[in-house]
Structures are given as C-alpha cells and as structure tokens.
Amino acid sequence: MNKITQVIWTRQAQKALKDVLEFRYKDIPIAKRIVRQDIIDATKTISFPKQYQKDIYFPQYRKITVRDYRILYKSEEHIAYIMNVVCSKAGKSSEK
C-alpha cells in the first residue's frame, strides 16, 4: 500500500475553508481560528490513500469529519489532494 507523503490543498478547498468559516464564525474570531486549525491538523493525519471512508455524496472522494465539517480528498501516487471543505449542517454548505 502506498503511503501518503504530502498533502496539498487545492485552491477550491482553501476558498471553501475560508468561506465556510467566515460565514459561520464572522463575529467570533477565536472560534474561527480554533476550528480552522482543527481542520488543517486533521488533514495532516492522512497516512494511507484509503485510510478514511468514501463520502456518501461524492464517492470519488474520501472524507475526514471534523466537528460539523467534511474534508474531501483524493489521492494520487503519494499525494493527498484536499478538494473541498463542506459544512455538514443543513443550509451551510460551500459545495458547488
């Protein structure tokens, strides 16, 4: 089994993270920083391409769940690409 040696955030994922946190924690900057760090830290735990389960809505991606967020990723070779960050609460999604 290939081991993940690098995690790369796509521009879409970076924008989605920024947008969803700005929307949910606009007036609570400390909470925004804490949740952002929790999400980023979770992506650093990806060690193997199939470590996490497939996302139910986007089966081409695997997901990491952190708080109310799904972090969607795919892997190629030894790289995990973070594709999107989606709020799991109804009506708060940054999915396109």
PDB file of N, CA and C in Angstrom:
ATOM      1  N   MET A   1       0.849  -1.191   0.000  1.00  0.00           N
ATOM      2  CA  MET A   1       0.000   0.000   0.000  1.00  0.00           C
ATOM      3  C   MET A   1       0.886   1.243   0.000  1.00  0.00           C
ATOM      4  N   ASN A   2       0.530   2.203  -0.843  1.00  0.00           N
ATOM      5  CA  ASN A   2       1.266   3.468  -0.888  1.00  0.00           C
ATOM      6  C   ASN A   2       1.045   4.258   0.385  1.00  0.00           C
ATOM      7  N   LYS A   3       2.061   4.933   0.793  1.00  0.00           N
ATOM      8  CA  LYS A   3       1.955   5.800   1.960  1.00  0.00           C
ATOM      9  C   LYS A   3       1.902   7.245   1.472  1.00  0.00           C
ATOM     10  N   ILE A   4       1.033   8.037   2.069  1.00  0.00           N
ATOM     11  CA  ILE A   4       0.922   9.451   1.717  1.00  0.00           C
ATOM     12  C   ILE A   4       2.113  10.188   2.327  1.00  0.00           C
ATOM     13  N   THR A   5       2.829  10.915   1.480  1.00  0.00           N
ATOM     14  CA  THR A   5       3.993  11.667   1.956  1.00  0.00           C
ATOM     15  C   THR A   5       3.784  13.172   1.870  1.00  0.00           C
ATOM     16  N   GLN A   6       2.698  13.588   1.202  1.00  0.00           N
ATOM     17  CA  GLN A   6       2.450  15.017   1.036  1.00  0.00           C
ATOM     18  C   GLN A   6       0.949  15.274   0.966  1.00  0.00           C
ATOM     19  N   VAL A   7       0.510  16.371   1.562  1.00  0.00           N
ATOM     20  CA  VAL A   7      -0.880  16.798   1.494  1.00  0.00           C
ATOM     21  C   VAL A   7      -0.895  18.168   0.837  1.00  0.00           C
ATOM     22  N   ILE A   8      -1.686  18.291  -0.221  1.00  0.00           N
ATOM     23  CA  ILE A   8      -1.781  19.556  -0.954  1.00  0.00           C
ATOM     24  C   ILE A   8      -3.229  20.032  -0.947  1.00  0.00           C
ATOM     25  N   TRP A   9      -3.412  21.268  -0.547  1.00  0.00           N
ATOM     26  CA  TRP A   9      -4.735  21.887  -0.565  1.00  0.00           C
ATOM     27  C   TRP A   9      -4.951  22.550  -1.920  1.00  0.00           C
ATOM     28  N   THR A  10      -6.061  22.218  -2.605  1.00  0.00           N
ATOM     29  CA  THR A  10      -6.398  22.883  -3.855  1.00  0.00           C
ATOM     30  C   THR A  10      -6.917  24.290  -3.547  1.00  0.00           C
ATOM     31  N   ARG A  11      -6.915  25.122  -4.561  1.00  0.00           N
ATOM     32  CA  ARG A  11      -7.459  26.488  -4.368  1.00  0.00           C
ATOM     33  C   ARG A  11      -8.921  26.438  -3.961  1.00  0.00           C
ATOM     34  N   GLN A  12      -9.676  25.523  -4.570  1.00  0.00           N
ATOM     35  CA  GLN A  12     -11.095  25.362  -4.216  1.00  0.00           C
ATOM     36  C   GLN A  12     -11.242  25.046  -2.731  1.00  0.00           C
ATOM     37  N   ALA A  13     -10.438  24.140  -2.220  1.00  0.00           N
ATOM     38  CA  ALA A  13     -10.531  23.756  -0.811  1.00  0.00           C
ATOM     39  C   ALA A  13     -10.133  24.913   0.103  1.00  0.00           C
ATOM     40  N   GLN A  14      -9.101  25.646  -0.278  1.00  0.00           N
ATOM     41  CA  GLN A  14      -8.681  26.797   0.524  1.00  0.00           C
ATOM     42  C   GLN A  14      -9.793  27.843   0.581  1.00  0.00           C
ATOM     43  N   LYS A  15     -10.414  28.104  -0.563  1.00  0.00           N
ATOM     44  CA  LYS A  15     -11.503  29.085  -0.623  1.00  0.00           C
ATOM     45  C   LYS A  15     -12.709  28.596   0.166  1.00  0.00           C
ATOM     46  N   ALA A  16     -13.044  27.317   0.009  1.00  0.00           N
ATOM     47  CA  ALA A  16     -14.189  26.763   0.730  1.00  0.00           C
ATOM     48  C   ALA A  16     -13.987  26.863   2.239  1.00  0.00           C
ATOM     49  N   LEU A  17     -12.781  26.552   2.709  1.00  0.00           N
ATOM     50  CA  LEU A  17     -12.488  26.653   4.146  1.00  0.00           C
ATOM     51  C   LEU A  17     -12.663  28.088   4.617  1.00  0.00           C
ATOM     52  N   LYS A  18     -12.081  29.011   3.888  1.00  0.00           N
ATOM     53  CA  LYS A  18     -12.187  30.427   4.259  1.00  0.00           C
ATOM     54  C   LYS A  18     -13.648  30.884   4.261  1.00  0.00           C
ATOM     55  N   ASP A  19     -14.390  30.545   3.211  1.00  0.00           N
ATOM     56  CA  ASP A  19     -15.776  30.990   3.091  1.00  0.00           C
ATOM     57  C   ASP A  19     -16.677  30.421   4.176  1.00  0.00           C
ATOM     58  N   VAL A  20     -16.567  29.117   4.424  1.00  0.00           N
ATOM     59  CA  VAL A  20     -17.458  28.499   5.405  1.00  0.00           C
ATOM     60  C   VAL A  20     -17.154  29.007   6.816  1.00  0.00           C
ATOM     61  N   LEU A  21     -15.881  29.212   7.125  1.00  0.00           N
ATOM     62  CA  LEU A  21     -15.540  29.724   8.458  1.00  0.00           C
ATOM     63  C   LEU A  21     -15.944  31.182   8.610  1.00  0.00           C
ATOM     64  N   GLU A  22     -15.794  31.947   7.554  1.00  0.00           N
ATOM     65  CA  GLU A  22     -16.215  33.353   7.608  1.00  0.00           C
ATOM     66  C   GLU A  22     -17.725  33.443   7.805  1.00  0.00           C
ATOM     67  N   PHE A  23     -18.453  32.568   7.141  1.00  0.00           N
ATOM     68  CA  PHE A  23     -19.906  32.557   7.260  1.00  0.00           C
ATOM     69  C   PHE A  23     -20.350  32.161   8.668  1.00  0.00           C
ATOM     70  N   ARG A  24     -19.762  31.112   9.189  1.00  0.00           N
ATOM     71  CA  ARG A  24     -20.209  30.587  10.483  1.00  0.00           C
ATOM     72  C   ARG A  24     -19.654  31.331  11.682  1.00  0.00           C
ATOM     73  N   TYR A  25     -18.445  31.888  11.566  1.00  0.00           N
ATOM     74  CA  TYR A  25     -17.787  32.492  12.735  1.00  0.00           C
ATOM     75  C   TYR A  25     -17.376  33.932  12.483  1.00  0.00           C
ATOM     76  N   LYS A  26     -18.142  34.628  11.682  1.00  0.00           N
ATOM     77  CA  LYS A  26     -17.818  36.012  11.309  1.00  0.00           C
ATOM     78  C   LYS A  26     -17.543  36.887  12.533  1.00  0.00           C
ATOM     79  N   ASP A  27     -18.345  36.742  13.546  1.00  0.00           N
ATOM     80  CA  ASP A  27     -18.225  37.592  14.730  1.00  0.00           C
ATOM     81  C   ASP A  27     -17.500  36.914  15.891  1.00  0.00           C
ATOM     82  N   ILE A  28     -16.897  35.749  15.636  1.00  0.00           N
ATOM     83  CA  ILE A  28     -16.199  35.020  16.699  1.00  0.00           C
ATOM     84  C   ILE A  28     -14.809  34.611  16.178  1.00  0.00           C
ATOM     85  N   PRO A  29     -13.881  35.553  16.106  1.00  0.00           N
ATOM     86  CA  PRO A  29     -12.575  35.258  15.506  1.00  0.00           C
ATOM     87  C   PRO A  29     -11.792  34.146  16.199  1.00  0.00           C
ATOM     88  N   ILE A  30     -11.890  34.019  17.495  1.00  0.00           N
ATOM     89  CA  ILE A  30     -11.143  32.973  18.194  1.00  0.00           C
ATOM     90  C   ILE A  30     -11.684  31.595  17.801  1.00  0.00           C
ATOM     91  N   ALA A  31     -13.002  31.475  17.695  1.00  0.00           N
ATOM     92  CA  ALA A  31     -13.599  30.199  17.274  1.00  0.00           C
ATOM     93  C   ALA A  31     -13.189  29.880  15.843  1.00  0.00           C
ATOM     94  N   LYS A  32     -13.161  30.887  14.984  1.00  0.00           N
ATOM     95  CA  LYS A  32     -12.749  30.681  13.596  1.00  0.00           C
ATOM     96  C   LYS A  32     -11.329  30.133  13.530  1.00  0.00           C
ATOM     97  N   ARG A  33     -10.430  30.688  14.329  1.00  0.00           N
ATOM     98  CA  ARG A  33      -9.035  30.219  14.343  1.00  0.00           C
ATOM     99  C   ARG A  33      -8.926  28.787  14.867  1.00  0.00           C
ATOM    100  N   ILE A  34      -9.656  28.482  15.923  1.00  0.00           N
ATOM    101  CA  ILE A  34      -9.600  27.143  16.522  1.00  0.00           C
ATOM    102  C   ILE A  34     -10.129  26.095  15.553  1.00  0.00           C
ATOM    103  N   VAL A  35     -11.288  26.333  14.959  1.00  0.00           N
ATOM    104  CA  VAL A  35     -11.882  25.367  14.033  1.00  0.00           C
ATOM    105  C   VAL A  35     -10.997  25.220  12.798  1.00  0.00           C
ATOM    106  N   ARG A  36     -10.476  26.319  12.284  1.00  0.00           N
ATOM    107  CA  ARG A  36      -9.577  26.272  11.121  1.00  0.00           C
ATOM    108  C   ARG A  36      -8.372  25.376  11.426  1.00  0.00           C
ATOM    109  N   GLN A  37      -7.773  25.570  12.596  1.00  0.00           N
ATOM    110  CA  GLN A  37      -6.601  24.772  12.961  1.00  0.00           C
ATOM    111  C   GLN A  37      -6.959  23.298  13.132  1.00  0.00           C
ATOM    112  N   ASP A  38      -8.129  23.020  13.707  1.00  0.00           N
ATOM    113  CA  ASP A  38      -8.569  21.629  13.854  1.00  0.00           C
ATOM    114  C   ASP A  38      -8.708  20.950  12.485  1.00  0.00           C
ATOM    115  N   ILE A  39      -9.257  21.670  11.523  1.00  0.00           N
ATOM    116  CA  ILE A  39      -9.440  21.121  10.181  1.00  0.00           C
ATOM    117  C   ILE A  39      -8.088  20.895   9.513  1.00  0.00           C
ATOM    118  N   ILE A  40      -7.208  21.864   9.588  1.00  0.00           N
ATOM    119  CA  ILE A  40      -5.879  21.721   8.988  1.00  0.00           C
ATOM    120  C   ILE A  40      -5.111  20.579   9.647  1.00  0.00           C
ATOM    121  N   ASP A  41      -5.165  20.506  10.956  1.00  0.00           N
ATOM    122  CA  ASP A  41      -4.471  19.420  11.671  1.00  0.00           C
ATOM    123  C   ASP A  41      -4.994  18.045  11.257  1.00  0.00           C
ATOM    124  N   ALA A  42      -6.301  17.937  11.033  1.00  0.00           N
ATOM    125  CA  ALA A  42      -6.883  16.650  10.641  1.00  0.00           C
ATOM    126  C   ALA A  42      -6.316  16.172   9.309  1.00  0.00           C
ATOM    127  N   THR A  43      -6.057  17.085   8.389  1.00  0.00           N
ATOM    128  CA  THR A  43      -5.527  16.675   7.086  1.00  0.00           C
ATOM    129  C   THR A  43      -4.106  16.130   7.212  1.00  0.00           C
ATOM    130  N   LYS A  44      -3.414  16.518   8.256  1.00  0.00           N
ATOM    131  CA  LYS A  44      -2.046  16.035   8.472  1.00  0.00           C
ATOM    132  C   LYS A  44      -2.013  14.592   8.963  1.00  0.00           C
ATOM    133  N   THR A  45      -3.189  14.050   9.301  1.00  0.00           N
ATOM    134  CA  THR A  45      -3.251  12.669   9.790  1.00  0.00           C
ATOM    135  C   THR A  45      -3.408  11.654   8.660  1.00  0.00           C
ATOM    136  N   ILE A  46      -3.553  12.130   7.420  1.00  0.00           N
ATOM    137  CA  ILE A  46      -3.718  11.209   6.296  1.00  0.00           C
ATOM    138  C   ILE A  46      -2.386  10.496   6.061  1.00  0.00           C
ATOM    139  N   SER A  47      -2.385   9.199   6.277  1.00  0.00           N
ATOM    140  CA  SER A  47      -1.169   8.403   6.098  1.00  0.00           C
ATOM    141  C   SER A  47      -1.269   7.442   4.923  1.00  0.00           C
ATOM    142  N   PHE A  48      -2.498   6.974   4.639  1.00  0.00           N
ATOM    143  CA  PHE A  48      -2.708   6.000   3.584  1.00  0.00           C
ATOM    144  C   PHE A  48      -3.858   6.469   2.698  1.00  0.00           C
ATOM    145  N   PRO A  49      -3.809   6.195   1.401  1.00  0.00           N
ATOM    146  CA  PRO A  49      -4.843   6.668   0.474  1.00  0.00           C
ATOM    147  C   PRO A  49      -6.265   6.275   0.868  1.00  0.00           C
ATOM    148  N   LYS A  50      -6.454   5.080   1.392  1.00  0.00           N
ATOM    149  CA  LYS A  50      -7.799   4.605   1.721  1.00  0.00           C
ATOM    150  C   LYS A  50      -8.048   4.589   3.228  1.00  0.00           C
ATOM    151  N   GLN A  51      -7.380   5.459   3.931  1.00  0.00           N
ATOM    152  CA  GLN A  51      -7.479   5.498   5.393  1.00  0.00           C
ATOM    153  C   GLN A  51      -8.883   5.863   5.870  1.00  0.00           C
ATOM    154  N   TYR A  52      -9.520   6.797   5.181  1.00  0.00           N
ATOM    155  CA  TYR A  52     -10.842   7.258   5.595  1.00  0.00           C
ATOM    156  C   TYR A  52     -11.886   6.758   4.612  1.00  0.00           C
ATOM    157  N   GLN A  53     -13.144   6.735   5.043  1.00  0.00           N
ATOM    158  CA  GLN A  53     -14.217   6.189   4.216  1.00  0.00           C
ATOM    159  C   GLN A  53     -14.573   7.109   3.055  1.00  0.00           C
ATOM    160  N   LYS A  54     -15.211   6.529   2.044  1.00  0.00           N
ATOM    161  CA  LYS A  54     -15.685   7.311   0.906  1.00  0.00           C
ATOM    162  C   LYS A  54     -16.829   8.198   1.359  1.00  0.00           C
ATOM    163  N   ASP A  55     -16.912   9.376   0.749  1.00  0.00           N
ATOM    164  CA  ASP A  55     -18.006  10.284   1.049  1.00  0.00           C
ATOM    165  C   ASP A  55     -19.288   9.757   0.413  1.00  0.00           C
ATOM    166  N   ILE A  56     -20.381   9.854   1.112  1.00  0.00           N
ATOM    167  CA  ILE A  56     -21.651   9.322   0.615  1.00  0.00           C
ATOM    168  C   ILE A  56     -22.180  10.136  -0.573  1.00  0.00           C
ATOM    169  N   TYR A  57     -21.953  11.439  -0.576  1.00  0.00           N
ATOM    170  CA  TYR A  57     -22.470  12.298  -1.642  1.00  0.00           C
ATOM    171  C   TYR A  57     -21.503  12.421  -2.822  1.00  0.00           C
ATOM    172  N   PHE A  58     -20.227  12.325  -2.546  1.00  0.00           N
ATOM    173  CA  PHE A  58     -19.186  12.422  -3.567  1.00  0.00           C
ATOM    174  C   PHE A  58     -18.275  11.201  -3.443  1.00  0.00           C
ATOM    175  N   PRO A  59     -18.725  10.046  -3.944  1.00  0.00           N
ATOM    176  CA  PRO A  59     -17.973   8.805  -3.728  1.00  0.00           C
ATOM    177  C   PRO A  59     -16.597   8.772  -4.391  1.00  0.00           C
ATOM    178  N   GLN A  60     -16.312   9.724  -5.264  1.00  0.00           N
ATOM    179  CA  GLN A  60     -14.977   9.780  -5.859  1.00  0.00           C
ATOM    180  C   GLN A  60     -13.947  10.315  -4.857  1.00  0.00           C
ATOM    181  N   TYR A  61     -14.433  10.842  -3.736  1.00  0.00           N
ATOM    182  CA  TYR A  61     -13.553  11.375  -2.697  1.00  0.00           C
ATOM    183  C   TYR A  61     -13.699  10.591  -1.401  1.00  0.00           C
ATOM    184  N   ARG A  62     -12.683  10.666  -0.603  1.00  0.00           N
ATOM    185  CA  ARG A  62     -12.743  10.158   0.769  1.00  0.00           C
ATOM    186  C   ARG A  62     -12.966  11.362   1.668  1.00  0.00           C
ATOM    187  N   LYS A  63     -13.405  11.097   2.885  1.00  0.00           N
ATOM    188  CA  LYS A  63     -13.728  12.230   3.766  1.00  0.00           C
ATOM    189  C   LYS A  63     -13.143  12.042   5.148  1.00  0.00           C
ATOM    190  N   ILE A  64     -12.811  13.171   5.735  1.00  0.00           N
ATOM    191  CA  ILE A  64     -12.444  13.245   7.145  1.00  0.00           C
ATOM    192  C   ILE A  64     -13.505  14.133   7.773  1.00  0.00           C
ATOM    193  N   THR A  65     -14.071  13.702   8.869  1.00  0.00           N
ATOM    194  CA  THR A  65     -15.077  14.516   9.548  1.00  0.00           C
ATOM    195  C   THR A  65     -14.441  15.187  10.758  1.00  0.00           C
ATOM    196  N   VAL A  66     -14.580  16.502  10.806  1.00  0.00           N
ATOM    197  CA  VAL A  66     -14.079  17.306  11.923  1.00  0.00           C
ATOM    198  C   VAL A  66     -15.205  18.244  12.329  1.00  0.00           C
ATOM    199  N   ARG A  67     -15.676  18.072  13.541  1.00  0.00           N
ATOM    200  CA  ARG A  67     -16.787  18.877  14.045  1.00  0.00           C
ATOM    201  C   ARG A  67     -17.956  18.754  13.069  1.00  0.00           C
ATOM    202  N   ASP A  68     -18.418  19.901  12.510  1.00  0.00           N
ATOM    203  CA  ASP A  68     -19.537  19.909  11.562  1.00  0.00           C
ATOM    204  C   ASP A  68     -19.069  19.947  10.113  1.00  0.00           C
ATOM    205  N   TYR A  69     -17.853  19.510   9.847  1.00  0.00           N
ATOM    206  CA  TYR A  69     -17.278  19.665   8.505  1.00  0.00           C
ATOM    207  C   TYR A  69     -16.797  18.350   7.937  1.00  0.00           C
ATOM    208  N   ARG A  70     -16.961  18.224   6.628  1.00  0.00           N
ATOM    209  CA  ARG A  70     -16.390  17.094   5.896  1.00  0.00           C
ATOM    210  C   ARG A  70     -15.251  17.649   5.054  1.00  0.00           C
ATOM    211  N   ILE A  71     -14.088  17.067   5.182  1.00  0.00           N
ATOM    212  CA  ILE A  71     -12.930  17.436   4.391  1.00  0.00           C
ATOM    213  C   ILE A  71     -12.806  16.367   3.315  1.00  0.00           C
ATOM    214  N   LEU A  72     -12.978  16.751   2.071  1.00  0.00           N
ATOM    215  CA  LEU A  72     -12.972  15.801   0.961  1.00  0.00           C
ATOM    216  C   LEU A  72     -11.596  15.774   0.325  1.00  0.00           C
ATOM    217  N   TYR A  73     -11.081  14.564   0.093  1.00  0.00           N
ATOM    218  CA  TYR A  73      -9.762  14.446  -0.522  1.00  0.00           C
ATOM    219  C   TYR A  73      -9.702  13.274  -1.483  1.00  0.00           C
ATOM    220  N   LYS A  74      -8.749  13.339  -2.385  1.00  0.00           N
ATOM    221  CA  LYS A  74      -8.435  12.206  -3.252  1.00  0.00           C
ATOM    222  C   LYS A  74      -6.926  12.025  -3.212  1.00  0.00           C
ATOM    223  N   SER A  75      -6.477  10.851  -3.564  1.00  0.00           N
ATOM    224  CA  SER A  75      -5.041  10.605  -3.535  1.00  0.00           C
ATOM    225  C   SER A  75      -4.565  10.110  -4.892  1.00  0.00           C
ATOM    226  N   GLU A  76      -3.367  10.507  -5.224  1.00  0.00           N
ATOM    227  CA  GLU A  76      -2.682  10.061  -6.433  1.00  0.00           C
ATOM    228  C   GLU A  76      -1.231   9.864  -6.044  1.00  0.00           C
ATOM    229  N   GLU A  77      -0.724   8.672  -6.388  1.00  0.00           N
ATOM    230  CA  GLU A  77       0.655   8.341  -6.013  1.00  0.00           C
ATOM    231  C   GLU A  77       0.806   8.456  -4.495  1.00  0.00           C
ATOM    232  N   HIS A  78       1.672   9.330  -4.034  1.00  0.00           N
ATOM    233  CA  HIS A  78       1.925   9.507  -2.599  1.00  0.00           C
ATOM    234  C   HIS A  78       1.402  10.852  -2.092  1.00  0.00           C
ATOM    235  N   ILE A  79       0.465  11.432  -2.842  1.00  0.00           N
ATOM    236  CA  ILE A  79      -0.040  12.766  -2.509  1.00  0.00           C
ATOM    237  C   ILE A  79      -1.537  12.707  -2.243  1.00  0.00           C
ATOM    238  N   ALA A  80      -1.970  13.354  -1.163  1.00  0.00           N
ATOM    239  CA  ALA A  80      -3.391  13.534  -0.881  1.00  0.00           C
ATOM    240  C   ALA A  80      -3.741  14.973  -1.253  1.00  0.00           C
ATOM    241  N   TYR A  81      -4.736  15.110  -2.110  1.00  0.00           N
ATOM    242  CA  TYR A  81      -5.198  16.433  -2.528  1.00  0.00           C
ATOM    243  C   TYR A  81      -6.485  16.750  -1.785  1.00  0.00           C
ATOM    244  N   ILE A  82      -6.471  17.811  -1.005  1.00  0.00           N
ATOM    245  CA  ILE A  82      -7.685  18.263  -0.318  1.00  0.00           C
ATOM    246  C   ILE A  82      -8.502  19.010  -1.365  1.00  0.00           C
ATOM    247  N   MET A  83      -9.695  18.499  -1.636  1.00  0.00           N
ATOM    248  CA  MET A  83     -10.501  19.019  -2.738  1.00  0.00           C
ATOM    249  C   MET A  83     -11.560  20.028  -2.305  1.00  0.00           C
ATOM    250  N   ASN A  84     -12.103  19.843  -1.106  1.00  0.00           N
ATOM    251  CA  ASN A  84     -13.168  20.737  -0.661  1.00  0.00           C
ATOM    252  C   ASN A  84     -13.380  20.570   0.838  1.00  0.00           C
ATOM    253  N   VAL A  85     -13.972  21.592   1.442  1.00  0.00           N
ATOM    254  CA  VAL A  85     -14.391  21.551   2.843  1.00  0.00           C
ATOM    255  C   VAL A  85     -15.857  21.930   2.841  1.00  0.00           C
ATOM    256  N   VAL A  86     -16.681  21.054   3.404  1.00  0.00           N
ATOM    257  CA  VAL A  86     -18.119  21.216   3.346  1.00  0.00           C
ATOM    258  C   VAL A  86     -18.701  21.202   4.752  1.00  0.00           C
ATOM    259  N   CYS A  87     -19.554  22.175   5.031  1.00  0.00           N
ATOM    260  CA  CYS A  87     -20.243  22.181   6.316  1.00  0.00           C
ATOM    261  C   CYS A  87     -21.350  21.129   6.246  1.00  0.00           C
ATOM    262  N   SER A  88     -21.427  20.278   7.256  1.00  0.00           N
ATOM    263  CA  SER A  88     -22.420  19.198   7.265  1.00  0.00           C
ATOM    264  C   SER A  88     -23.783  19.641   7.759  1.00  0.00           C
ATOM    265  N   LYS A  89     -23.865  20.822   8.334  1.00  0.00           N
ATOM    266  CA  LYS A  89     -25.151  21.325   8.815  1.00  0.00           C
ATOM    267  C   LYS A  89     -25.976  21.779   7.611  1.00  0.00           C
ATOM    268  N   ALA A  90     -27.246  21.470   7.636  1.00  0.00           N
ATOM    269  CA  ALA A  90     -28.131  21.815   6.518  1.00  0.00           C
ATOM    270  C   ALA A  90     -28.129  23.306   6.245  1.00  0.00           C
ATOM    271  N   GLY A  91     -28.045  23.652   4.966  1.00  0.00           N
ATOM    272  CA  GLY A  91     -28.101  25.055   4.558  1.00  0.00           C
ATOM    273  C   GLY A  91     -26.803  25.809   4.736  1.00  0.00           C
ATOM    274  N   LYS A  92     -25.715  25.153   5.111  1.00  0.00           N
ATOM    275  CA  LYS A  92     -24.460  25.862   5.370  1.00  0.00           C
ATOM    276  C   LYS A  92     -23.329  25.322   4.491  1.00  0.00           C
ATOM    277  N   SER A  93     -23.656  24.774   3.339  1.00  0.00           N
ATOM    278  CA  SER A  93     -22.653  24.122   2.507  1.00  0.00           C
ATOM    279  C   SER A  93     -21.932  25.105   1.594  1.00  0.00           C
ATOM    280  N   SER A  94     -20.661  24.807   1.313  1.00  0.00           N
ATOM    281  CA  SER A  94     -19.914  25.588   0.341  1.00  0.00           C
ATOM    282  C   SER A  94     -19.676  24.757  -0.925  1.00  0.00           C
ATOM    283  N   GLU A  95     -20.432  23.651  -1.058  1.00  0.00           N
ATOM    284  CA  GLU A  95     -20.279  22.794  -2.236  1.00  0.00           C
ATOM    285  C   GLU A  95     -20.838  23.486  -3.452  1.00  0.00           C
ATOM    286  N   LYS A  96     -20.256  23.136  -4.592  1.00  0.00           N
ATOM    287  CA  LYS A  96     -20.762  23.663  -5.857  1.00  0.00           C
ATOM    288  C   LYS A  96     -21.303  22.529  -6.663  1.00  0.00           C
TER     289      LYS A  96
END
